[in-house]
């Protein structure tokens, strides 16, 4: 409907003197591009999400191949440090471990909520995609379609941003545990990084939008 309205309005806004062969060809070309976009709108939309999924899969493979695991020597050193602690320090470590476990549970809930909300957004974007795609050939309404495509890419690469945050978090945790600092200092660093991870996961959507300049 939007494409047909644009095509008809272009004819109505021009006089008979302006309707030469070149103008008619341009209008027909715009109409053909609009019809092509509408016929393949769902293919283009799903293609954007497949591109984002492919980027996430490659990043997951890269992170899995990297050495982020804690060696047995490091675990033995941590066990020695824990055994050397007094009663008060052991209670503090136990409390910090409980807080860390609580942060992990909260972070898992955040990730689940973000993933479910993202899937709902994907379904909504796919269902209404023909409307903004139809405005791409219109000079006045073209910004709607352009901004929709930017938001589409931002939504598709939101999981990529989340995976980057998790990869950085894993490397920082491994670095904190393998350092020669005291066990309490290392656990405090882990708690701070866990809180920052929860905060950053909620910021992944706005970060992705800022990368693609989406409104």
N, C-alpha and C. Protein backbone atom coordinates (compact mmCIF):
# COMPACT_ATOMS: atom_id res chain seq x y z
N UNK A 1 0.83 -1.20 0.00
CA UNK A 1 0.00 0.00 0.00
C UNK A 1 0.86 1.25 0.00
N UNK A 2 1.91 1.28 0.81
CA UNK A 2 2.80 2.43 0.87
C UNK A 2 3.54 2.62 -0.44
N UNK A 3 3.97 1.51 -1.05
CA UNK A 3 4.68 1.59 -2.33
C UNK A 3 3.75 2.11 -3.43
N UNK A 4 2.53 1.62 -3.46
CA UNK A 4 1.56 2.08 -4.46
C UNK A 4 1.21 3.55 -4.25
N UNK A 5 1.08 3.97 -2.99
CA UNK A 5 0.80 5.38 -2.70
C UNK A 5 1.93 6.26 -3.17
N UNK A 6 3.16 5.83 -2.94
CA UNK A 6 4.31 6.61 -3.38
C UNK A 6 4.35 6.71 -4.89
N UNK A 7 4.06 5.60 -5.57
CA UNK A 7 4.08 5.59 -7.03
C UNK A 7 3.00 6.50 -7.60
N UNK A 8 1.80 6.44 -7.05
CA UNK A 8 0.69 7.26 -7.54
C UNK A 8 0.93 8.74 -7.24
N UNK A 9 1.44 9.04 -6.04
CA UNK A 9 1.68 10.45 -5.69
C UNK A 9 2.74 11.07 -6.57
N UNK A 10 3.74 10.28 -6.99
CA UNK A 10 4.77 10.81 -7.88
C UNK A 10 4.18 11.20 -9.23
N UNK A 11 3.22 10.42 -9.70
CA UNK A 11 2.55 10.76 -10.95
C UNK A 11 1.67 11.99 -10.78
N UNK A 12 0.96 12.08 -9.68
CA UNK A 12 0.03 13.18 -9.47
C UNK A 12 0.75 14.50 -9.22
N UNK A 13 1.97 14.46 -8.67
CA UNK A 13 2.71 15.69 -8.38
C UNK A 13 3.46 16.23 -9.59
N UNK A 14 3.41 15.55 -10.70
CA UNK A 14 4.09 16.00 -11.92
C UNK A 14 3.07 16.35 -12.99
N UNK A 15 3.40 17.38 -13.74
CA UNK A 15 2.53 17.77 -14.84
C UNK A 15 2.82 16.89 -16.05
N UNK A 16 1.98 17.02 -17.05
CA UNK A 16 2.15 16.20 -18.26
C UNK A 16 3.41 16.56 -19.03
N UNK A 17 3.91 17.80 -18.87
CA UNK A 17 5.14 18.20 -19.56
C UNK A 17 6.37 17.54 -18.94
N UNK A 18 6.28 17.27 -17.63
CA UNK A 18 7.42 16.66 -16.95
C UNK A 18 7.48 15.15 -17.13
N UNK A 19 6.44 14.56 -17.66
CA UNK A 19 6.39 13.10 -17.76
C UNK A 19 7.06 12.63 -19.05
N UNK A 20 8.37 12.71 -19.09
CA UNK A 20 9.09 12.19 -20.23
C UNK A 20 9.50 10.73 -19.96
N UNK A 21 10.22 10.15 -20.87
CA UNK A 21 10.57 8.74 -20.76
C UNK A 21 11.49 8.50 -19.56
N UNK A 22 12.41 9.42 -19.31
CA UNK A 22 13.36 9.24 -18.21
C UNK A 22 12.65 9.25 -16.85
N UNK A 23 11.70 10.16 -16.68
CA UNK A 23 10.98 10.23 -15.41
C UNK A 23 10.13 8.98 -15.21
N UNK A 24 9.47 8.52 -16.27
CA UNK A 24 8.65 7.32 -16.16
C UNK A 24 9.52 6.11 -15.82
N UNK A 25 10.70 6.02 -16.41
CA UNK A 25 11.59 4.91 -16.12
C UNK A 25 12.06 4.94 -14.67
N UNK A 26 12.35 6.15 -14.14
CA UNK A 26 12.76 6.26 -12.75
C UNK A 26 11.65 5.83 -11.80
N UNK A 27 10.42 6.27 -12.11
CA UNK A 27 9.30 5.88 -11.26
C UNK A 27 9.05 4.38 -11.31
N UNK A 28 9.15 3.82 -12.51
CA UNK A 28 8.96 2.36 -12.63
C UNK A 28 10.07 1.60 -11.93
N UNK A 29 11.30 2.16 -11.97
CA UNK A 29 12.41 1.51 -11.28
C UNK A 29 12.19 1.54 -9.76
N UNK A 30 11.72 2.68 -9.24
CA UNK A 30 11.42 2.76 -7.82
C UNK A 30 10.31 1.79 -7.43
N UNK A 31 9.30 1.70 -8.29
CA UNK A 31 8.22 0.75 -8.02
C UNK A 31 8.73 -0.68 -8.04
N UNK A 32 9.60 -1.00 -8.99
CA UNK A 32 10.15 -2.35 -9.05
C UNK A 32 11.00 -2.68 -7.83
N UNK A 33 11.81 -1.69 -7.37
CA UNK A 33 12.63 -1.92 -6.17
C UNK A 33 11.74 -2.12 -4.96
N UNK A 34 10.67 -1.30 -4.85
CA UNK A 34 9.75 -1.45 -3.72
C UNK A 34 9.06 -2.81 -3.71
N UNK A 35 8.62 -3.27 -4.87
CA UNK A 35 7.98 -4.58 -4.95
C UNK A 35 8.96 -5.70 -4.63
N UNK A 36 10.21 -5.56 -5.11
CA UNK A 36 11.23 -6.57 -4.81
C UNK A 36 11.49 -6.65 -3.31
N UNK A 37 11.59 -5.48 -2.65
CA UNK A 37 11.83 -5.48 -1.21
C UNK A 37 10.68 -6.13 -0.46
N UNK A 38 9.45 -5.84 -0.90
CA UNK A 38 8.29 -6.42 -0.21
C UNK A 38 8.20 -7.92 -0.44
N UNK A 39 8.59 -8.37 -1.62
CA UNK A 39 8.53 -9.81 -1.89
C UNK A 39 9.61 -10.59 -1.13
N UNK A 40 10.71 -9.92 -0.78
CA UNK A 40 11.82 -10.61 -0.11
C UNK A 40 12.09 -10.03 1.28
N UNK A 41 11.11 -9.38 1.86
CA UNK A 41 11.33 -8.70 3.13
C UNK A 41 11.65 -9.69 4.24
N UNK A 42 10.96 -10.82 4.28
CA UNK A 42 11.21 -11.80 5.33
C UNK A 42 12.55 -12.51 5.13
N UNK A 43 12.95 -12.68 3.86
CA UNK A 43 14.27 -13.25 3.59
C UNK A 43 15.38 -12.30 4.06
N UNK A 44 15.19 -11.00 3.80
CA UNK A 44 16.18 -10.02 4.23
C UNK A 44 16.24 -9.92 5.75
N UNK A 45 15.07 -9.96 6.39
CA UNK A 45 15.04 -9.84 7.86
C UNK A 45 15.69 -11.03 8.52
N UNK A 46 15.32 -12.22 8.10
CA UNK A 46 15.94 -13.42 8.68
C UNK A 46 17.42 -13.51 8.33
N UNK A 47 17.81 -12.97 7.17
CA UNK A 47 19.22 -12.96 6.79
C UNK A 47 20.05 -12.11 7.73
N UNK A 48 19.50 -11.00 8.19
CA UNK A 48 20.21 -10.15 9.15
C UNK A 48 20.44 -10.90 10.46
N UNK A 49 19.39 -11.61 10.93
CA UNK A 49 19.54 -12.36 12.18
C UNK A 49 20.47 -13.56 12.00
N UNK A 50 20.48 -14.17 10.82
CA UNK A 50 21.44 -15.25 10.57
C UNK A 50 22.87 -14.73 10.55
N UNK A 51 23.05 -13.50 10.05
CA UNK A 51 24.38 -12.90 10.07
C UNK A 51 24.85 -12.67 11.50
N UNK A 52 23.94 -12.16 12.36
CA UNK A 52 24.29 -11.99 13.76
C UNK A 52 24.58 -13.31 14.45
N UNK A 53 23.78 -14.35 14.14
CA UNK A 53 24.01 -15.67 14.74
C UNK A 53 25.34 -16.26 14.28
N UNK A 54 25.70 -16.04 13.01
CA UNK A 54 26.98 -16.53 12.51
C UNK A 54 28.15 -15.84 13.22
N UNK A 55 28.03 -14.54 13.47
CA UNK A 55 29.09 -13.82 14.18
C UNK A 55 29.22 -14.33 15.61
N UNK A 56 28.08 -14.61 16.26
CA UNK A 56 28.12 -15.13 17.63
C UNK A 56 28.76 -16.51 17.67
N UNK A 57 28.42 -17.37 16.72
CA UNK A 57 28.99 -18.72 16.69
C UNK A 57 30.50 -18.69 16.48
N UNK A 58 30.96 -17.79 15.62
CA UNK A 58 32.41 -17.69 15.41
C UNK A 58 33.11 -17.16 16.65
N UNK A 59 32.46 -16.21 17.34
CA UNK A 59 33.06 -15.68 18.57
C UNK A 59 33.09 -16.74 19.66
N UNK A 60 32.02 -17.53 19.76
CA UNK A 60 31.99 -18.60 20.77
C UNK A 60 33.09 -19.61 20.50
N UNK A 61 33.30 -19.95 19.23
CA UNK A 61 34.39 -20.87 18.89
C UNK A 61 35.75 -20.31 19.23
N UNK A 62 35.94 -19.00 19.00
CA UNK A 62 37.22 -18.38 19.33
C UNK A 62 37.45 -18.36 20.83
N UNK A 63 36.41 -18.04 21.59
CA UNK A 63 36.54 -18.01 23.05
C UNK A 63 36.78 -19.41 23.60
N UNK A 64 36.11 -20.41 23.01
CA UNK A 64 36.29 -21.79 23.48
C UNK A 64 37.70 -22.30 23.19
N UNK A 65 38.29 -21.83 22.08
CA UNK A 65 39.64 -22.27 21.75
C UNK A 65 40.72 -21.57 22.60
N UNK A 66 40.38 -20.41 23.14
CA UNK A 66 41.37 -19.69 23.95
C UNK A 66 41.54 -20.36 25.31
N UNK A 67 42.69 -20.14 25.93
CA UNK A 67 43.01 -20.78 27.19
C UNK A 67 42.52 -19.91 28.34
N UNK A 68 41.28 -20.14 28.80
CA UNK A 68 40.73 -19.42 29.94
C UNK A 68 40.57 -20.32 31.15
N UNK A 69 40.99 -21.55 31.05
CA UNK A 69 40.83 -22.49 32.15
C UNK A 69 41.89 -22.25 33.22
N UNK A 70 41.57 -22.67 34.44
CA UNK A 70 42.49 -22.54 35.56
C UNK A 70 43.25 -23.84 35.72
N UNK A 71 44.54 -23.75 35.76
CA UNK A 71 45.37 -24.95 35.84
C UNK A 71 45.27 -25.59 37.21
N UNK A 72 45.72 -26.84 37.28
CA UNK A 72 45.70 -27.56 38.55
C UNK A 72 46.65 -26.94 39.56
N UNK A 73 47.76 -26.36 39.08
CA UNK A 73 48.69 -25.70 39.98
C UNK A 73 48.07 -24.48 40.64
N UNK A 74 47.30 -23.74 39.86
CA UNK A 74 46.62 -22.57 40.43
C UNK A 74 45.59 -23.00 41.46
N UNK A 75 44.84 -24.06 41.16
CA UNK A 75 43.86 -24.56 42.13
C UNK A 75 44.54 -25.02 43.41
N UNK A 76 45.70 -25.69 43.29
CA UNK A 76 46.43 -26.12 44.48
C UNK A 76 46.93 -24.92 45.28
N UNK A 77 47.37 -23.86 44.58
CA UNK A 77 47.82 -22.66 45.29
C UNK A 77 46.66 -21.98 46.02
N UNK A 78 45.48 -21.96 45.39
CA UNK A 78 44.30 -21.39 46.05
C UNK A 78 43.92 -22.21 47.27
N UNK A 79 44.00 -23.52 47.15
CA UNK A 79 43.67 -24.40 48.27
C UNK A 79 44.64 -24.18 49.44
N UNK A 80 45.91 -23.96 49.12
CA UNK A 80 46.90 -23.70 50.17
C UNK A 80 46.62 -22.37 50.87
N UNK A 81 46.28 -21.36 50.09
CA UNK A 81 45.98 -20.06 50.67
C UNK A 81 44.75 -20.13 51.58
N UNK A 82 43.73 -20.90 51.17
CA UNK A 82 42.53 -21.02 51.99
C UNK A 82 42.84 -21.75 53.29
N UNK A 83 43.67 -22.77 53.22
CA UNK A 83 44.02 -23.53 54.43
C UNK A 83 44.83 -22.69 55.42
N UNK A 84 45.53 -21.68 54.92
CA UNK A 84 46.34 -20.84 55.79
C UNK A 84 45.54 -19.72 56.46
N UNK A 85 44.28 -19.58 56.13
CA UNK A 85 43.46 -18.51 56.70
C UNK A 85 43.03 -18.85 58.12
N UNK A 86 42.78 -17.79 58.90
CA UNK A 86 42.25 -17.98 60.24
C UNK A 86 40.74 -18.16 60.21
N UNK A 87 40.14 -18.21 61.41
CA UNK A 87 38.69 -18.43 61.50
C UNK A 87 37.92 -17.25 60.94
N UNK A 88 38.32 -16.04 61.35
CA UNK A 88 37.62 -14.84 60.87
C UNK A 88 37.76 -14.68 59.37
N UNK A 89 38.95 -14.87 58.84
CA UNK A 89 39.17 -14.75 57.40
C UNK A 89 38.42 -15.84 56.65
N UNK A 90 38.34 -17.04 57.23
CA UNK A 90 37.59 -18.13 56.58
C UNK A 90 36.11 -17.79 56.51
N UNK A 91 35.57 -17.20 57.58
CA UNK A 91 34.17 -16.78 57.56
C UNK A 91 33.94 -15.68 56.51
N UNK A 92 34.89 -14.77 56.40
CA UNK A 92 34.78 -13.71 55.39
C UNK A 92 34.82 -14.28 53.98
N UNK A 93 35.70 -15.25 53.77
CA UNK A 93 35.77 -15.89 52.46
C UNK A 93 34.48 -16.65 52.17
N UNK A 94 33.93 -17.32 53.19
CA UNK A 94 32.66 -18.04 53.01
C UNK A 94 31.55 -17.07 52.66
N UNK A 95 31.49 -15.92 53.33
CA UNK A 95 30.46 -14.92 53.04
C UNK A 95 30.64 -14.37 51.63
N UNK A 96 31.87 -14.07 51.25
CA UNK A 96 32.12 -13.55 49.90
C UNK A 96 31.79 -14.60 48.84
N UNK A 97 32.05 -15.87 49.14
CA UNK A 97 31.67 -16.93 48.21
C UNK A 97 30.17 -17.04 48.06
N UNK A 98 29.44 -16.86 49.18
CA UNK A 98 27.98 -16.90 49.11
C UNK A 98 27.45 -15.73 48.29
N UNK A 99 28.04 -14.56 48.50
CA UNK A 99 27.63 -13.39 47.70
C UNK A 99 27.94 -13.61 46.22
N UNK A 100 29.10 -14.21 45.94
CA UNK A 100 29.43 -14.51 44.55
C UNK A 100 28.46 -15.48 43.92
N UNK A 101 28.05 -16.51 44.70
CA UNK A 101 27.05 -17.45 44.18
C UNK A 101 25.73 -16.74 43.93
N UNK A 102 25.35 -15.81 44.83
CA UNK A 102 24.10 -15.06 44.65
C UNK A 102 24.17 -14.17 43.41
N UNK A 103 25.33 -13.56 43.19
CA UNK A 103 25.50 -12.73 41.99
C UNK A 103 25.41 -13.59 40.73
N UNK A 104 25.95 -14.80 40.80
CA UNK A 104 25.86 -15.70 39.65
C UNK A 104 24.42 -16.07 39.34
N UNK A 105 23.62 -16.33 40.39
CA UNK A 105 22.21 -16.65 40.18
C UNK A 105 21.47 -15.46 39.57
N UNK A 106 21.74 -14.26 40.11
CA UNK A 106 21.09 -13.05 39.59
C UNK A 106 21.50 -12.80 38.15
N UNK A 107 22.79 -13.00 37.85
CA UNK A 107 23.27 -12.80 36.47
C UNK A 107 22.62 -13.79 35.52
N UNK A 108 22.45 -15.06 35.97
CA UNK A 108 21.76 -16.05 35.12
C UNK A 108 20.32 -15.64 34.86
N UNK A 109 19.65 -15.11 35.88
CA UNK A 109 18.27 -14.64 35.69
C UNK A 109 18.24 -13.47 34.71
N UNK A 110 19.20 -12.55 34.85
CA UNK A 110 19.27 -11.42 33.92
C UNK A 110 19.46 -11.90 32.48
N UNK A 111 20.35 -12.86 32.30
CA UNK A 111 20.61 -13.37 30.95
C UNK A 111 19.36 -14.03 30.38
N UNK A 112 18.64 -14.81 31.20
CA UNK A 112 17.42 -15.45 30.74
C UNK A 112 16.36 -14.42 30.36
N UNK A 113 16.22 -13.39 31.18
CA UNK A 113 15.24 -12.35 30.90
C UNK A 113 15.59 -11.61 29.61
N UNK A 114 16.87 -11.27 29.46
CA UNK A 114 17.31 -10.56 28.25
C UNK A 114 17.10 -11.41 27.02
N UNK A 115 17.41 -12.71 27.10
CA UNK A 115 17.25 -13.61 25.94
C UNK A 115 15.77 -13.76 25.56
N UNK A 116 14.90 -13.91 26.57
CA UNK A 116 13.47 -14.04 26.27
C UNK A 116 12.92 -12.75 25.67
N UNK A 117 13.31 -11.60 26.25
CA UNK A 117 12.86 -10.32 25.71
C UNK A 117 13.39 -10.12 24.29
N UNK A 118 14.63 -10.56 24.05
CA UNK A 118 15.21 -10.42 22.71
C UNK A 118 14.46 -11.29 21.70
N UNK A 119 14.08 -12.49 22.08
CA UNK A 119 13.33 -13.35 21.16
C UNK A 119 11.97 -12.73 20.84
N UNK A 120 11.31 -12.14 21.84
CA UNK A 120 10.04 -11.47 21.59
C UNK A 120 10.23 -10.28 20.65
N UNK A 121 11.30 -9.53 20.83
CA UNK A 121 11.59 -8.41 19.93
C UNK A 121 11.84 -8.90 18.51
N UNK A 122 12.53 -10.02 18.38
CA UNK A 122 12.79 -10.57 17.05
C UNK A 122 11.49 -10.94 16.35
N UNK A 123 10.57 -11.57 17.07
CA UNK A 123 9.28 -11.93 16.48
C UNK A 123 8.50 -10.69 16.07
N UNK A 124 8.53 -9.65 16.91
CA UNK A 124 7.82 -8.41 16.59
C UNK A 124 8.44 -7.74 15.37
N UNK A 125 9.77 -7.67 15.34
CA UNK A 125 10.44 -7.03 14.21
C UNK A 125 10.16 -7.78 12.91
N UNK A 126 10.16 -9.10 12.96
CA UNK A 126 9.89 -9.88 11.75
C UNK A 126 8.44 -9.71 11.29
N UNK A 127 7.50 -9.60 12.21
CA UNK A 127 6.09 -9.51 11.84
C UNK A 127 5.73 -8.16 11.23
N UNK A 128 6.39 -7.08 11.67
CA UNK A 128 6.05 -5.75 11.15
C UNK A 128 7.05 -5.26 10.11
N UNK A 129 8.00 -6.07 9.74
CA UNK A 129 9.05 -5.62 8.82
C UNK A 129 8.55 -5.16 7.46
N UNK A 130 7.45 -5.69 6.89
CA UNK A 130 7.01 -5.18 5.58
C UNK A 130 6.66 -3.69 5.58
N UNK A 131 6.14 -3.18 6.71
CA UNK A 131 5.72 -1.78 6.74
C UNK A 131 6.91 -0.83 6.62
N UNK A 132 7.94 -0.94 7.47
CA UNK A 132 9.08 -0.02 7.30
C UNK A 132 9.87 -0.27 6.03
N UNK A 133 9.94 -1.50 5.55
CA UNK A 133 10.65 -1.75 4.29
C UNK A 133 9.96 -1.08 3.12
N UNK A 134 8.63 -0.94 3.20
CA UNK A 134 7.90 -0.31 2.10
C UNK A 134 8.15 1.18 2.02
N UNK A 135 8.66 1.79 3.08
CA UNK A 135 8.92 3.23 3.07
C UNK A 135 10.31 3.59 2.56
N UNK A 136 11.13 2.60 2.23
CA UNK A 136 12.51 2.88 1.83
C UNK A 136 12.59 3.68 0.53
N UNK A 137 11.65 3.48 -0.38
CA UNK A 137 11.69 4.16 -1.67
C UNK A 137 11.04 5.53 -1.62
N UNK A 138 10.46 5.90 -0.48
CA UNK A 138 9.80 7.19 -0.36
C UNK A 138 10.77 8.22 0.19
N UNK A 139 10.77 9.41 -0.39
CA UNK A 139 11.71 10.44 0.04
C UNK A 139 11.35 10.98 1.41
N UNK A 140 10.08 11.11 1.72
CA UNK A 140 9.65 11.69 2.99
C UNK A 140 9.68 10.67 4.11
N UNK A 141 9.30 9.44 3.82
CA UNK A 141 9.19 8.41 4.85
C UNK A 141 10.37 7.45 4.86
N UNK A 142 11.37 7.70 4.03
CA UNK A 142 12.49 6.76 3.92
C UNK A 142 13.27 6.60 5.22
N UNK A 143 13.26 7.65 6.07
CA UNK A 143 13.97 7.55 7.34
C UNK A 143 13.41 6.47 8.25
N UNK A 144 12.11 6.17 8.11
CA UNK A 144 11.50 5.12 8.93
C UNK A 144 12.13 3.77 8.61
N UNK A 145 12.23 3.47 7.33
CA UNK A 145 12.82 2.19 6.93
C UNK A 145 14.30 2.11 7.25
N UNK A 146 15.01 3.24 7.06
CA UNK A 146 16.45 3.26 7.36
C UNK A 146 16.70 3.02 8.84
N UNK A 147 15.94 3.70 9.70
CA UNK A 147 16.10 3.51 11.14
C UNK A 147 15.69 2.10 11.56
N UNK A 148 14.69 1.53 10.89
CA UNK A 148 14.28 0.15 11.21
C UNK A 148 15.40 -0.82 10.90
N UNK A 149 16.08 -0.63 9.78
CA UNK A 149 17.18 -1.53 9.42
C UNK A 149 18.33 -1.40 10.42
N UNK A 150 18.61 -0.18 10.87
CA UNK A 150 19.65 0.02 11.88
C UNK A 150 19.29 -0.72 13.18
N UNK A 151 18.03 -0.58 13.61
CA UNK A 151 17.60 -1.28 14.82
C UNK A 151 17.61 -2.79 14.62
N UNK A 152 17.35 -3.22 13.38
CA UNK A 152 17.38 -4.65 13.08
C UNK A 152 18.79 -5.22 13.26
N UNK A 153 19.78 -4.51 12.73
CA UNK A 153 21.17 -4.95 12.91
C UNK A 153 21.60 -4.86 14.38
N UNK A 154 21.14 -3.81 15.08
CA UNK A 154 21.48 -3.68 16.49
C UNK A 154 20.92 -4.83 17.31
N UNK A 155 19.69 -5.24 17.01
CA UNK A 155 19.08 -6.36 17.71
C UNK A 155 19.77 -7.67 17.36
N UNK A 156 20.16 -7.81 16.09
CA UNK A 156 20.81 -9.05 15.67
C UNK A 156 22.18 -9.21 16.31
N UNK A 157 22.89 -8.11 16.54
CA UNK A 157 24.25 -8.19 17.11
C UNK A 157 24.27 -7.92 18.60
N UNK A 158 23.11 -7.86 19.24
CA UNK A 158 23.08 -7.70 20.69
C UNK A 158 23.69 -8.91 21.39
N UNK A 159 23.38 -10.11 20.89
CA UNK A 159 23.97 -11.32 21.47
C UNK A 159 25.49 -11.33 21.28
N UNK A 160 25.97 -10.75 20.19
CA UNK A 160 27.43 -10.66 19.96
C UNK A 160 28.08 -9.79 21.04
N UNK A 161 27.43 -8.68 21.38
CA UNK A 161 27.95 -7.82 22.45
C UNK A 161 27.93 -8.54 23.79
N UNK A 162 26.86 -9.30 24.06
CA UNK A 162 26.77 -10.05 25.31
C UNK A 162 27.88 -11.09 25.40
N UNK A 163 28.18 -11.75 24.29
CA UNK A 163 29.23 -12.76 24.30
C UNK A 163 30.60 -12.13 24.52
N UNK A 164 30.80 -10.93 23.98
CA UNK A 164 32.07 -10.23 24.23
C UNK A 164 32.22 -9.91 25.72
N UNK A 165 31.12 -9.45 26.35
CA UNK A 165 31.18 -9.15 27.78
C UNK A 165 31.51 -10.40 28.60
N UNK A 166 30.90 -11.53 28.24
CA UNK A 166 31.16 -12.78 28.97
C UNK A 166 32.61 -13.24 28.75
N UNK A 167 33.12 -13.08 27.53
CA UNK A 167 34.51 -13.48 27.25
C UNK A 167 35.49 -12.62 28.05
N UNK A 168 35.24 -11.31 28.11
CA UNK A 168 36.11 -10.43 28.89
C UNK A 168 36.02 -10.78 30.37
N UNK A 169 34.81 -11.08 30.85
CA UNK A 169 34.62 -11.44 32.25
C UNK A 169 35.39 -12.73 32.59
N UNK A 170 35.33 -13.71 31.71
CA UNK A 170 36.06 -14.97 31.96
C UNK A 170 37.56 -14.75 32.04
N UNK A 171 38.09 -13.94 31.14
CA UNK A 171 39.53 -13.68 31.15
C UNK A 171 39.94 -12.90 32.39
N UNK A 172 39.11 -11.95 32.83
CA UNK A 172 39.44 -11.17 34.03
C UNK A 172 39.36 -12.04 35.29
N UNK A 173 38.38 -12.96 35.34
CA UNK A 173 38.28 -13.87 36.47
C UNK A 173 39.50 -14.78 36.54
N UNK A 174 39.90 -15.30 35.38
CA UNK A 174 41.08 -16.16 35.34
C UNK A 174 42.33 -15.40 35.76
N UNK A 175 42.43 -14.13 35.33
CA UNK A 175 43.58 -13.33 35.74
C UNK A 175 43.59 -13.02 37.23
N UNK A 176 42.40 -12.78 37.82
CA UNK A 176 42.34 -12.51 39.26
C UNK A 176 42.71 -13.73 40.08
N UNK A 177 42.29 -14.90 39.64
CA UNK A 177 42.57 -16.11 40.41
C UNK A 177 44.01 -16.60 40.25
N UNK A 178 44.63 -16.29 39.13
CA UNK A 178 46.01 -16.73 38.91
C UNK A 178 47.04 -15.73 39.41
N UNK A 179 46.58 -14.57 39.91
CA UNK A 179 47.53 -13.58 40.44
C UNK A 179 48.05 -14.05 41.80
N UNK A 180 49.07 -13.39 42.26
CA UNK A 180 49.70 -13.74 43.54
C UNK A 180 49.09 -12.98 44.71
N UNK A 181 47.96 -12.30 44.49
CA UNK A 181 47.34 -11.54 45.56
C UNK A 181 46.70 -12.48 46.58
N UNK A 182 46.30 -11.90 47.70
CA UNK A 182 45.64 -12.68 48.75
C UNK A 182 44.30 -13.18 48.24
N UNK A 183 43.84 -14.28 48.84
CA UNK A 183 42.61 -14.91 48.39
C UNK A 183 41.41 -13.99 48.60
N UNK A 184 41.45 -13.17 49.67
CA UNK A 184 40.34 -12.25 49.93
C UNK A 184 40.31 -11.15 48.86
N UNK A 185 41.48 -10.64 48.52
CA UNK A 185 41.54 -9.62 47.47
C UNK A 185 41.07 -10.17 46.13
N UNK A 186 41.47 -11.40 45.82
CA UNK A 186 41.05 -12.02 44.56
C UNK A 186 39.54 -12.23 44.53
N UNK A 187 38.96 -12.67 45.64
CA UNK A 187 37.51 -12.88 45.68
C UNK A 187 36.77 -11.55 45.61
N UNK A 188 37.34 -10.51 46.23
CA UNK A 188 36.71 -9.19 46.14
C UNK A 188 36.70 -8.69 44.69
N UNK A 189 37.79 -8.91 43.98
CA UNK A 189 37.84 -8.54 42.57
C UNK A 189 36.80 -9.31 41.77
N UNK A 190 36.63 -10.58 42.07
CA UNK A 190 35.64 -11.40 41.37
C UNK A 190 34.22 -10.89 41.63
N UNK A 191 33.95 -10.48 42.87
CA UNK A 191 32.63 -9.95 43.19
C UNK A 191 32.35 -8.64 42.44
N UNK A 192 33.34 -7.77 42.42
CA UNK A 192 33.18 -6.50 41.70
C UNK A 192 32.96 -6.75 40.22
N UNK A 193 33.74 -7.68 39.64
CA UNK A 193 33.57 -7.97 38.22
C UNK A 193 32.24 -8.64 37.93
N UNK A 194 31.72 -9.44 38.88
CA UNK A 194 30.41 -10.04 38.69
C UNK A 194 29.30 -9.00 38.68
N UNK A 195 29.41 -8.02 39.58
CA UNK A 195 28.42 -6.93 39.61
C UNK A 195 28.49 -6.12 38.32
N UNK A 196 29.69 -5.84 37.85
CA UNK A 196 29.85 -5.09 36.61
C UNK A 196 29.34 -5.88 35.42
N UNK A 197 29.46 -7.20 35.46
CA UNK A 197 28.93 -8.03 34.37
C UNK A 197 27.41 -7.91 34.30
N UNK A 198 26.75 -7.96 35.46
CA UNK A 198 25.28 -7.81 35.48
C UNK A 198 24.88 -6.46 34.93
N UNK A 199 25.62 -5.41 35.29
CA UNK A 199 25.31 -4.07 34.80
C UNK A 199 25.54 -3.96 33.29
N UNK A 200 26.64 -4.57 32.83
CA UNK A 200 26.99 -4.46 31.41
C UNK A 200 26.03 -5.26 30.53
N UNK A 201 25.50 -6.37 31.06
CA UNK A 201 24.58 -7.17 30.25
C UNK A 201 23.32 -6.37 29.90
N UNK A 202 22.89 -5.52 30.83
CA UNK A 202 21.74 -4.68 30.55
C UNK A 202 22.07 -3.54 29.59
N UNK A 203 23.36 -3.20 29.48
CA UNK A 203 23.78 -2.12 28.60
C UNK A 203 24.11 -2.60 27.20
N UNK A 204 24.05 -3.91 26.96
CA UNK A 204 24.43 -4.44 25.64
C UNK A 204 23.50 -3.93 24.54
N UNK A 205 22.22 -3.78 24.87
CA UNK A 205 21.27 -3.29 23.87
C UNK A 205 21.61 -1.87 23.43
N UNK A 206 21.87 -0.98 24.38
CA UNK A 206 22.20 0.40 24.03
C UNK A 206 23.58 0.49 23.36
N UNK A 207 24.51 -0.38 23.76
CA UNK A 207 25.82 -0.40 23.11
C UNK A 207 25.69 -0.80 21.65
N UNK A 208 24.89 -1.83 21.41
CA UNK A 208 24.68 -2.28 20.03
C UNK A 208 24.00 -1.20 19.19
N UNK A 209 23.03 -0.49 19.79
CA UNK A 209 22.37 0.60 19.05
C UNK A 209 23.33 1.73 18.74
N UNK A 210 24.21 2.04 19.69
CA UNK A 210 25.17 3.12 19.44
C UNK A 210 26.17 2.74 18.35
N UNK A 211 26.51 1.46 18.26
CA UNK A 211 27.43 1.03 17.20
C UNK A 211 26.82 1.21 15.83
N UNK A 212 25.53 0.87 15.69
CA UNK A 212 24.84 0.98 14.40
C UNK A 212 24.08 2.29 14.24
N UNK A 213 24.27 3.22 15.17
CA UNK A 213 23.66 4.55 15.10
C UNK A 213 22.13 4.45 14.97
N UNK A 214 21.55 3.55 15.75
CA UNK A 214 20.10 3.36 15.72
C UNK A 214 19.45 4.23 16.80
N UNK A 215 18.25 4.69 16.50
CA UNK A 215 17.50 5.53 17.44
C UNK A 215 16.60 4.66 18.28
